[in-house]
């Protein structure tokens, strides 16, 4: 299943986006790619069971603002030209046989994953430091309370 959307902007800039749904055992996964002003971004959407077209469309309408795209990567968008229907069918069949994502999509998703990991580490480190400071303050307070009566 491959949905494509093109739209033209002013100043002859264009946006190209595509959603490819693949099966990665045990889940169905959507790879949403978009090209915008020479920037390539990708988002991974995990579905449970095989989604129907209308379910995918409804999901995108409902959750568009919540999608987490990878950081933009510089990329040039290739101009699409008319393709012979038989050739297009052959290309679709080869894409269906291929497993996994394109290398750009893999790189972008990996970059996003690494950034999320760094953010989580920083957040947990800050929480641990705050907890240590709190424990230290409690110990100091107890020490002062012991010596208050002297």
Protein backbone atom coordinates (compact mmCIF):
# COMPACT_ATOMS: atom_id res chain seq x y z
CA UNK A 1 0.00 0.00 0.00
CA UNK A 2 1.59 3.28 -1.04
CA UNK A 3 -0.20 6.63 -0.78
CA UNK A 4 1.35 9.68 -2.41
CA UNK A 5 0.40 13.33 -2.18
CA UNK A 6 1.89 16.25 -4.04
CA UNK A 7 1.05 19.89 -3.59
CA UNK A 8 2.50 23.02 -5.14
CA UNK A 9 3.40 26.12 -3.13
CA UNK A 10 4.15 29.64 -4.21
CA UNK A 11 7.67 30.39 -5.51
CA UNK A 12 7.69 27.01 -7.32
CA UNK A 13 8.51 25.09 -4.13
CA UNK A 14 6.85 21.75 -3.76
CA UNK A 15 6.16 19.24 -1.05
CA UNK A 16 6.18 15.55 -1.76
CA UNK A 17 5.03 13.05 0.80
CA UNK A 18 4.50 9.32 0.71
CA UNK A 19 3.24 6.73 3.16
CA UNK A 20 4.43 3.16 2.77
CA UNK A 21 2.87 0.44 4.89
CA UNK A 22 5.04 -2.62 5.48
CA UNK A 23 4.90 -5.67 7.70
CA UNK A 24 7.68 -5.90 10.29
CA UNK A 25 6.93 -8.99 12.30
CA UNK A 26 4.71 -8.83 14.42
CA UNK A 27 3.32 -5.38 13.53
CA UNK A 28 2.29 -3.37 10.49
CA UNK A 29 4.38 -0.23 10.26
CA UNK A 30 3.83 2.93 8.26
CA UNK A 31 6.84 4.90 7.00
CA UNK A 32 5.72 8.45 6.31
CA UNK A 33 8.30 10.37 4.25
CA UNK A 34 8.13 14.00 3.21
CA UNK A 35 10.33 16.26 1.11
CA UNK A 36 9.97 19.98 1.75
CA UNK A 37 12.32 22.67 0.38
CA UNK A 38 15.20 20.24 -0.07
CA UNK A 39 14.65 18.78 3.42
CA UNK A 40 13.84 15.10 3.92
CA UNK A 41 11.98 13.99 7.06
CA UNK A 42 10.56 10.63 8.04
CA UNK A 43 8.17 9.34 10.69
CA UNK A 44 7.50 5.77 11.76
CA UNK A 45 3.91 4.86 12.63
CA UNK A 46 3.21 1.48 14.24
CA UNK A 47 -0.16 -0.12 13.58
CA UNK A 48 -1.43 -3.30 15.20
CA UNK A 49 -3.30 -5.43 12.72
CA UNK A 50 -3.20 -4.71 8.99
CA UNK A 51 -4.85 -1.30 8.60
CA UNK A 52 -7.45 -0.58 5.95
CA UNK A 53 -7.13 2.47 3.69
CA UNK A 54 -9.86 4.39 5.50
CA UNK A 55 -8.29 3.57 8.89
CA UNK A 56 -4.93 4.95 7.74
CA UNK A 57 -6.59 8.07 6.36
CA UNK A 58 -8.57 8.59 9.58
CA UNK A 59 -5.44 8.06 11.67
CA UNK A 60 -3.52 10.67 9.69
CA UNK A 61 -6.35 13.19 9.94
CA UNK A 62 -6.73 12.66 13.66
CA UNK A 63 -3.05 12.42 14.70
CA UNK A 64 -1.26 14.62 12.15
CA UNK A 65 -0.13 17.15 14.78
CA UNK A 66 1.20 14.42 17.08
CA UNK A 67 3.49 12.76 14.52
CA UNK A 68 7.17 12.94 15.49
CA UNK A 69 9.27 13.46 12.39
CA UNK A 70 13.01 12.92 12.33
CA UNK A 71 15.33 15.90 12.13
CA UNK A 72 15.51 17.22 8.55
CA UNK A 73 18.23 15.87 6.27
CA UNK A 74 19.40 17.81 3.22
CA UNK A 75 18.15 16.03 0.12
CA UNK A 76 17.25 16.88 -3.43
CA UNK A 77 13.82 15.93 -4.63
CA UNK A 78 13.83 14.28 -8.03
CA UNK A 79 11.34 15.47 -10.60
CA UNK A 80 8.70 12.86 -11.36
CA UNK A 81 7.83 12.19 -14.96
CA UNK A 82 5.15 10.09 -16.57
CA UNK A 83 5.94 6.40 -16.29
CA UNK A 84 4.65 3.66 -18.51
CA UNK A 85 1.93 1.73 -16.60
CA UNK A 86 3.65 -1.62 -17.17
CA UNK A 87 6.96 -0.25 -15.87
CA UNK A 88 5.17 1.23 -12.87
CA UNK A 89 3.58 -2.14 -12.13
CA UNK A 90 7.03 -3.81 -12.30
CA UNK A 91 8.48 -1.21 -9.92
CA UNK A 92 5.58 -1.71 -7.50
CA UNK A 93 6.16 -5.46 -7.54
CA UNK A 94 9.89 -5.02 -6.84
CA UNK A 95 9.09 -2.64 -3.96
CA UNK A 96 6.65 -5.15 -2.52
CA UNK A 97 9.35 -7.85 -2.62
CA UNK A 98 11.91 -5.63 -0.89
CA UNK A 99 11.87 -5.83 2.88
CA UNK A 100 12.71 -2.94 5.13
CA UNK A 101 13.03 0.76 4.54
CA UNK A 102 15.04 2.84 2.15
CA UNK A 103 18.45 3.89 3.41
CA UNK A 104 17.43 7.54 3.81
CA UNK A 105 14.43 6.54 5.88
CA UNK A 106 16.59 4.24 8.01
CA UNK A 107 19.15 6.97 8.59
CA UNK A 108 16.51 9.55 9.50
CA UNK A 109 14.72 7.19 11.89
CA UNK A 110 18.03 6.18 13.47
CA UNK A 111 18.93 9.85 13.98
CA UNK A 112 15.54 10.51 15.59
CA UNK A 113 15.98 7.44 17.83
CA UNK A 114 19.44 8.61 18.94
CA UNK A 115 18.14 12.08 19.77
CA UNK A 116 15.29 10.64 21.82
CA UNK A 117 17.79 8.43 23.66
CA UNK A 118 20.01 11.41 24.49
CA UNK A 119 17.00 13.39 25.74
CA UNK A 120 15.92 10.49 27.98
CA UNK A 121 19.44 10.15 29.41
CA UNK A 122 19.67 13.86 30.17
CA UNK A 123 16.25 13.88 31.79
CA UNK A 124 16.99 10.86 33.99
CA UNK A 125 20.40 12.31 34.96
CA UNK A 126 18.74 15.56 36.05
CA UNK A 127 16.15 13.63 38.05
CA UNK A 128 18.88 11.60 39.81
CA UNK A 129 20.84 14.76 40.66
CA UNK A 130 17.71 16.45 42.00
CA UNK A 131 16.97 13.39 44.15
CA UNK A 132 20.56 13.37 45.51
CA UNK A 133 20.29 17.06 46.41
CA UNK A 134 16.98 16.45 48.15
CA UNK A 135 18.43 13.54 50.14
CA UNK A 136 21.46 15.67 51.09
CA UNK A 137 19.20 18.51 52.26
CA UNK A 138 17.20 16.04 54.39
CA UNK A 139 20.39 14.71 56.01
CA UNK A 140 21.60 18.22 56.82
CA UNK A 141 18.21 19.08 58.28
CA UNK A 142 18.32 15.98 60.51
CA UNK A 143 21.83 16.91 61.72
CA UNK A 144 20.66 20.39 62.66
CA UNK A 145 17.59 19.00 64.43
CA UNK A 146 19.78 16.71 66.57
CA UNK A 147 21.93 19.60 67.78
CA UNK A 148 19.09 22.06 68.34
CA UNK A 149 18.68 21.29 72.03
CA UNK A 150 22.29 22.09 73.03
